[in-house]
Amino acid sequence: MGSVFLGSEPLSKREFHVLVELLKNSRISDQEIARRLNTSRPGIAKIRQRLEKKGVVLGYQPIVDFEKLGLTVHAITLYRWMDYSKQKELSEFTEFVRLLPEVFAFVQGEGGGKTNVVISLHATLPDFEAFVQRLKVRWKNNVDSVEMFISSISGLSTNYRIQNPVVAHLRERLDFDNPSLGPTGRRKPE
């Protein structure tokens, strides 16, 4: 059947197709995946277990409407760490940010004069302001060039699904590896 390489981990075509189905809907039953891929439910159960054992599937998370949970403020905070010779302070601050319950994502990189991006969710603007104060106390004089973008959460909570780009990537890889197969693994109509 062949393998598809996604980084260093080879996946069989069946594993690949099951992964796409799980990304589209993590609550989908093995029976429904089997129906879609024209195979058996026990076979799908084994594939799901292999994906978990390989560490490709780490868990299953619900997609929630943050606004209905009272998290109405979405904030993106960008900043530049000034002195990389202060490795101890950098390490401590990085761990501090990663453990903040408001933090949705924390990214270290480089671009636009910034080295870090913090994406956070808050119930109210005063909650966000208190969050920023906690950051300022911890980063002291080590951070420069802070910029923030704040918005209502409604666009994120109802229209954004992190798995969409992953599914698109997997579909491109599948089509690239076998142009006669479509996104479901079935032959494309001629």
C-alpha atoms as a PDB file:
ATOM      1  CA  MET A   1       0.000   0.000   0.000  1.00  0.00           C
ATOM      2  CA  GLY A   2       3.009   2.312   0.464  1.00  0.00           C
ATOM      3  CA  SER A   3       3.923   4.920   3.048  1.00  0.00           C
ATOM      4  CA  VAL A   4       3.602   8.652   3.320  1.00  0.00           C
ATOM      5  CA  PHE A   5       6.296  10.550   5.188  1.00  0.00           C
ATOM      6  CA  LEU A   6       5.226  13.472   7.365  1.00  0.00           C
ATOM      7  CA  GLY A   7       8.496  14.575   8.858  1.00  0.00           C
ATOM      8  CA  SER A   8      10.319  11.530  10.195  1.00  0.00           C
ATOM      9  CA  GLU A   9       7.297   9.299  10.900  1.00  0.00           C
ATOM     10  CA  PRO A  10       6.147   7.075   8.016  1.00  0.00           C
ATOM     11  CA  LEU A  11       2.398   6.484   7.858  1.00  0.00           C
ATOM     12  CA  SER A  12       0.647   3.874   5.788  1.00  0.00           C
ATOM     13  CA  LYS A  13      -1.953   5.195   3.352  1.00  0.00           C
ATOM     14  CA  ARG A  14      -4.695   3.837   5.649  1.00  0.00           C
ATOM     15  CA  GLU A  15      -3.158   5.543   8.698  1.00  0.00           C
ATOM     16  CA  PHE A  16      -2.964   8.708   6.665  1.00  0.00           C
ATOM     17  CA  HIS A  17      -6.671   8.536   5.713  1.00  0.00           C
ATOM     18  CA  VAL A  18      -7.762   7.719   9.267  1.00  0.00           C
ATOM     19  CA  LEU A  19      -5.721  10.667  10.554  1.00  0.00           C
ATOM     20  CA  VAL A  20      -7.464  13.024   8.116  1.00  0.00           C
ATOM     21  CA  GLU A  21     -10.872  11.773   9.290  1.00  0.00           C
ATOM     22  CA  LEU A  22      -9.895  12.231  12.955  1.00  0.00           C
ATOM     23  CA  LEU A  23      -8.667  15.754  12.271  1.00  0.00           C
ATOM     24  CA  LYS A  24     -11.948  16.646  10.601  1.00  0.00           C
ATOM     25  CA  ASN A  25     -13.936  15.258  13.538  1.00  0.00           C
ATOM     26  CA  SER A  26     -12.184  13.730  16.561  1.00  0.00           C
ATOM     27  CA  ARG A  27     -15.492  12.293  17.829  1.00  0.00           C
ATOM     28  CA  ILE A  28     -16.097  10.251  14.696  1.00  0.00           C
ATOM     29  CA  SER A  29     -16.692   6.577  15.409  1.00  0.00           C
ATOM     30  CA  ASP A  30     -14.463   3.841  14.061  1.00  0.00           C
ATOM     31  CA  GLN A  31     -17.566   2.461  12.333  1.00  0.00           C
ATOM     32  CA  GLU A  32     -18.119   5.734  10.441  1.00  0.00           C
ATOM     33  CA  ILE A  33     -14.456   5.963   9.423  1.00  0.00           C
ATOM     34  CA  ALA A  34     -14.644   2.355   8.224  1.00  0.00           C
ATOM     35  CA  ARG A  35     -17.744   3.193   6.158  1.00  0.00           C
ATOM     36  CA  ARG A  36     -16.064   6.249   4.611  1.00  0.00           C
ATOM     37  CA  LEU A  37     -12.870   4.364   3.788  1.00  0.00           C
ATOM     38  CA  ASN A  38     -14.639   1.179   2.729  1.00  0.00           C
ATOM     39  CA  THR A  39     -12.936  -1.077   5.279  1.00  0.00           C
ATOM     40  CA  SER A  40     -13.701  -2.844   8.581  1.00  0.00           C
ATOM     41  CA  ARG A  41     -14.301  -1.265  11.991  1.00  0.00           C
ATOM     42  CA  PRO A  42     -11.729  -3.545  13.744  1.00  0.00           C
ATOM     43  CA  GLY A  43      -9.149  -2.493  11.147  1.00  0.00           C
ATOM     44  CA  ILE A  44      -9.827   1.170  11.879  1.00  0.00           C
ATOM     45  CA  ALA A  45      -9.577   0.526  15.650  1.00  0.00           C
ATOM     46  CA  LYS A  46      -6.116  -1.008  15.122  1.00  0.00           C
ATOM     47  CA  ILE A  47      -5.022   1.926  12.974  1.00  0.00           C
ATOM     48  CA  ARG A  48      -6.248   4.433  15.573  1.00  0.00           C
ATOM     49  CA  GLN A  49      -4.278   2.561  18.258  1.00  0.00           C
ATOM     50  CA  ARG A  50      -1.140   2.580  16.052  1.00  0.00           C
ATOM     51  CA  LEU A  51      -1.477   6.348  15.501  1.00  0.00           C
ATOM     52  CA  GLU A  52      -1.733   6.834  19.265  1.00  0.00           C
ATOM     53  CA  LYS A  53       1.201   4.491  19.968  1.00  0.00           C
ATOM     54  CA  LYS A  54       3.383   6.282  17.373  1.00  0.00           C
ATOM     55  CA  GLY A  55       2.568   9.565  19.093  1.00  0.00           C
ATOM     56  CA  VAL A  56       0.937  11.028  15.984  1.00  0.00           C
ATOM     57  CA  VAL A  57      -2.405  11.317  17.793  1.00  0.00           C
ATOM     58  CA  LEU A  58      -1.764  12.675  21.282  1.00  0.00           C
ATOM     59  CA  GLY A  59      -5.380  13.070  22.391  1.00  0.00           C
ATOM     60  CA  TYR A  60      -8.842  14.247  21.478  1.00  0.00           C
ATOM     61  CA  GLN A  61      -9.960  17.755  22.372  1.00  0.00           C
ATOM     62  CA  PRO A  62     -13.341  19.411  22.104  1.00  0.00           C
ATOM     63  CA  ILE A  63     -13.706  22.589  20.094  1.00  0.00           C
ATOM     64  CA  VAL A  64     -15.484  25.039  22.366  1.00  0.00           C
ATOM     65  CA  ASP A  65     -17.179  28.371  21.885  1.00  0.00           C
ATOM     66  CA  PHE A  66     -15.058  30.596  24.120  1.00  0.00           C
ATOM     67  CA  GLU A  67     -17.638  33.367  24.085  1.00  0.00           C
ATOM     68  CA  LYS A  68     -20.278  31.066  25.593  1.00  0.00           C
ATOM     69  CA  LEU A  69     -17.766  30.261  28.342  1.00  0.00           C
ATOM     70  CA  GLY A  70     -17.336  33.949  29.137  1.00  0.00           C
ATOM     71  CA  LEU A  71     -13.929  34.379  27.470  1.00  0.00           C
ATOM     72  CA  THR A  72     -14.672  37.377  25.267  1.00  0.00           C
ATOM     73  CA  VAL A  73     -11.265  39.037  24.838  1.00  0.00           C
ATOM     74  CA  HIS A  74      -8.625  37.630  22.500  1.00  0.00           C
ATOM     75  CA  ALA A  75      -5.173  39.230  22.760  1.00  0.00           C
ATOM     76  CA  ILE A  76      -1.976  38.862  20.797  1.00  0.00           C
ATOM     77  CA  THR A  77       1.086  40.235  22.567  1.00  0.00           C
ATOM     78  CA  LEU A  78       4.343  40.555  20.614  1.00  0.00           C
ATOM     79  CA  TYR A  79       7.671  41.484  22.153  1.00  0.00           C
ATOM     80  CA  ARG A  80      11.430  41.263  21.751  1.00  0.00           C
ATOM     81  CA  TRP A  81      13.681  39.598  24.321  1.00  0.00           C
ATOM     82  CA  MET A  82      16.597  42.012  24.575  1.00  0.00           C
ATOM     83  CA  ASP A  83      19.561  40.046  25.889  1.00  0.00           C
ATOM     84  CA  TYR A  84      20.015  36.365  25.047  1.00  0.00           C
ATOM     85  CA  SER A  85      23.076  36.173  27.304  1.00  0.00           C
ATOM     86  CA  LYS A  86      20.565  36.168  30.202  1.00  0.00           C
ATOM     87  CA  GLN A  87      19.658  32.531  29.606  1.00  0.00           C
ATOM     88  CA  LYS A  88      18.480  31.869  33.169  1.00  0.00           C
ATOM     89  CA  GLU A  89      16.019  34.794  33.089  1.00  0.00           C
ATOM     90  CA  LEU A  90      14.870  33.818  29.592  1.00  0.00           C
ATOM     91  CA  SER A  91      14.274  30.218  30.667  1.00  0.00           C
ATOM     92  CA  GLU A  92      12.372  31.244  33.790  1.00  0.00           C
ATOM     93  CA  PHE A  93      10.225  33.757  31.927  1.00  0.00           C
ATOM     94  CA  THR A  94       9.471  31.289  29.118  1.00  0.00           C
ATOM     95  CA  GLU A  95       8.309  28.703  31.649  1.00  0.00           C
ATOM     96  CA  PHE A  96       6.265  31.341  33.495  1.00  0.00           C
ATOM     97  CA  VAL A  97       4.431  32.324  30.279  1.00  0.00           C
ATOM     98  CA  ARG A  98       3.828  28.718  29.216  1.00  0.00           C
ATOM     99  CA  LEU A  99       2.144  27.970  32.552  1.00  0.00           C
ATOM    100  CA  LEU A 100      -0.191  30.982  32.594  1.00  0.00           C
ATOM    101  CA  PRO A 101      -3.772  29.676  32.384  1.00  0.00           C
ATOM    102  CA  GLU A 102      -4.810  32.503  30.030  1.00  0.00           C
ATOM    103  CA  VAL A 103      -2.208  31.551  27.412  1.00  0.00           C
ATOM    104  CA  PHE A 104      -3.666  29.814  24.377  1.00  0.00           C
ATOM    105  CA  ALA A 105      -0.373  29.711  22.448  1.00  0.00           C
ATOM    106  CA  PHE A 106       3.199  30.857  23.038  1.00  0.00           C
ATOM    107  CA  VAL A 107       5.576  31.072  20.082  1.00  0.00           C
ATOM    108  CA  GLN A 108       9.264  31.897  20.022  1.00  0.00           C
ATOM    109  CA  GLY A 109      10.762  32.937  16.709  1.00  0.00           C
ATOM    110  CA  GLU A 110      11.958  35.972  14.816  1.00  0.00           C
ATOM    111  CA  GLY A 111      10.209  38.538  12.659  1.00  0.00           C
ATOM    112  CA  GLY A 112       9.341  42.211  12.471  1.00  0.00           C
ATOM    113  CA  GLY A 113      11.813  42.945  15.237  1.00  0.00           C
ATOM    114  CA  LYS A 114       9.945  40.608  17.611  1.00  0.00           C
ATOM    115  CA  THR A 115      11.058  37.313  19.130  1.00  0.00           C
ATOM    116  CA  ASN A 116       7.929  36.113  20.934  1.00  0.00           C
ATOM    117  CA  VAL A 117       4.173  35.973  20.463  1.00  0.00           C
ATOM    118  CA  VAL A 118       1.713  35.269  23.267  1.00  0.00           C
ATOM    119  CA  ILE A 119      -1.911  34.545  22.346  1.00  0.00           C
ATOM    120  CA  SER A 120      -4.221  34.732  25.329  1.00  0.00           C
ATOM    121  CA  LEU A 121      -7.933  34.593  26.188  1.00  0.00           C
ATOM    122  CA  HIS A 122      -9.620  36.713  28.867  1.00  0.00           C
ATOM    123  CA  ALA A 123     -13.096  37.275  30.262  1.00  0.00           C
ATOM    124  CA  THR A 124     -12.850  41.078  30.325  1.00  0.00           C
ATOM    125  CA  LEU A 125     -10.519  43.915  29.406  1.00  0.00           C
ATOM    126  CA  PRO A 126      -9.576  44.459  33.095  1.00  0.00           C
ATOM    127  CA  ASP A 127      -8.623  40.753  33.254  1.00  0.00           C
ATOM    128  CA  PHE A 128      -6.352  41.294  30.251  1.00  0.00           C
ATOM    129  CA  GLU A 129      -4.836  44.386  31.884  1.00  0.00           C
ATOM    130  CA  ALA A 130      -4.070  42.378  35.044  1.00  0.00           C
ATOM    131  CA  PHE A 131      -2.478  39.674  32.846  1.00  0.00           C
ATOM    132  CA  VAL A 132      -0.236  42.293  31.201  1.00  0.00           C
ATOM    133  CA  GLN A 133       0.778  43.640  34.624  1.00  0.00           C
ATOM    134  CA  ARG A 134       1.845  40.130  35.694  1.00  0.00           C
ATOM    135  CA  LEU A 135       3.930  39.852  32.516  1.00  0.00           C
ATOM    136  CA  LYS A 136       5.560  43.252  33.098  1.00  0.00           C
ATOM    137  CA  VAL A 137       6.536  42.371  36.664  1.00  0.00           C
ATOM    138  CA  ARG A 138       8.201  39.145  35.461  1.00  0.00           C
ATOM    139  CA  TRP A 139       9.954  40.446  32.357  1.00  0.00           C
ATOM    140  CA  LYS A 140      11.437  43.482  34.126  1.00  0.00           C
ATOM    141  CA  ASN A 141      13.963  45.168  31.826  1.00  0.00           C
ATOM    142  CA  ASN A 142      14.501  42.108  29.618  1.00  0.00           C
ATOM    143  CA  VAL A 143      11.728  42.877  27.149  1.00  0.00           C
ATOM    144  CA  ASP A 144      11.474  45.635  24.589  1.00  0.00           C
ATOM    145  CA  SER A 145       9.244  46.675  21.731  1.00  0.00           C
ATOM    146  CA  VAL A 146       5.946  45.362  23.133  1.00  0.00           C
ATOM    147  CA  GLU A 147       2.906  45.504  20.853  1.00  0.00           C
ATOM    148  CA  MET A 148      -0.595  44.203  21.511  1.00  0.00           C
ATOM    149  CA  PHE A 149      -3.597  43.443  19.374  1.00  0.00           C
ATOM    150  CA  ILE A 150      -6.881  42.972  21.228  1.00  0.00           C
ATOM    151  CA  SER A 151     -10.184  41.849  19.744  1.00  0.00           C
ATOM    152  CA  SER A 152     -13.498  40.261  20.505  1.00  0.00           C
ATOM    153  CA  ILE A 153     -13.275  36.484  20.599  1.00  0.00           C
ATOM    154  CA  SER A 154     -16.343  35.888  18.414  1.00  0.00           C
ATOM    155  CA  GLY A 155     -14.393  35.524  15.177  1.00  0.00           C
ATOM    156  CA  LEU A 156     -11.963  33.025  16.662  1.00  0.00           C
ATOM    157  CA  SER A 157     -14.395  30.896  18.604  1.00  0.00           C
ATOM    158  CA  THR A 158     -16.871  30.325  15.800  1.00  0.00           C
ATOM    159  CA  ASN A 159     -14.805  30.435  12.606  1.00  0.00           C
ATOM    160  CA  TYR A 160     -11.292  29.246  13.351  1.00  0.00           C
ATOM    161  CA  ARG A 161     -10.302  25.611  13.548  1.00  0.00           C
ATOM    162  CA  ILE A 162      -6.624  24.850  14.104  1.00  0.00           C
ATOM    163  CA  GLN A 163      -6.953  21.508  12.327  1.00  0.00           C
ATOM    164  CA  ASN A 164      -8.036  23.027   8.976  1.00  0.00           C
ATOM    165  CA  PRO A 165      -4.481  23.820   7.793  1.00  0.00           C
ATOM    166  CA  VAL A 166      -3.337  20.369   8.944  1.00  0.00           C
ATOM    167  CA  VAL A 167      -6.092  18.634   6.964  1.00  0.00           C
ATOM    168  CA  ALA A 168      -5.237  20.765   3.910  1.00  0.00           C
ATOM    169  CA  HIS A 169      -1.559  19.818   4.255  1.00  0.00           C
ATOM    170  CA  LEU A 170      -2.392  16.123   4.555  1.00  0.00           C
ATOM    171  CA  ARG A 171      -4.666  16.269   1.521  1.00  0.00           C
ATOM    172  CA  GLU A 172      -1.938  17.964  -0.526  1.00  0.00           C
ATOM    173  CA  ARG A 173       0.551  15.279   0.524  1.00  0.00           C
ATOM    174  CA  LEU A 174      -1.888  12.525  -0.359  1.00  0.00           C
ATOM    175  CA  ASP A 175      -2.664  13.994  -3.760  1.00  0.00           C
ATOM    176  CA  PHE A 176       1.049  14.585  -4.365  1.00  0.00           C
ATOM    177  CA  ASP A 177       2.024  11.034  -3.420  1.00  0.00           C
ATOM    178  CA  ASN A 178      -0.711   9.417  -5.490  1.00  0.00           C
ATOM    179  CA  PRO A 179      -2.420  11.726  -7.988  1.00  0.00           C
ATOM    180  CA  SER A 180      -5.084   9.123  -8.788  1.00  0.00           C
ATOM    181  CA  LEU A 181      -6.418   9.262  -5.200  1.00  0.00           C
ATOM    182  CA  GLY A 182      -8.651  12.007  -3.858  1.00  0.00           C
ATOM    183  CA  PRO A 183      -8.806  13.348  -0.285  1.00  0.00           C
ATOM    184  CA  THR A 184     -10.858  10.393   0.943  1.00  0.00           C
ATOM    185  CA  GLY A 185      -8.439   7.826  -0.496  1.00  0.00           C
ATOM    186  CA  ARG A 186     -10.899   6.726  -3.149  1.00  0.00           C
ATOM    187  CA  ARG A 187     -10.081   6.939  -6.824  1.00  0.00           C
ATOM    188  CA  LYS A 188     -10.784  10.322  -8.386  1.00  0.00           C
ATOM    189  CA  PRO A 189     -13.444  10.242 -11.087  1.00  0.00           C
ATOM    190  CA  GLU A 190     -11.967  10.345 -14.578  1.00  0.00           C
END
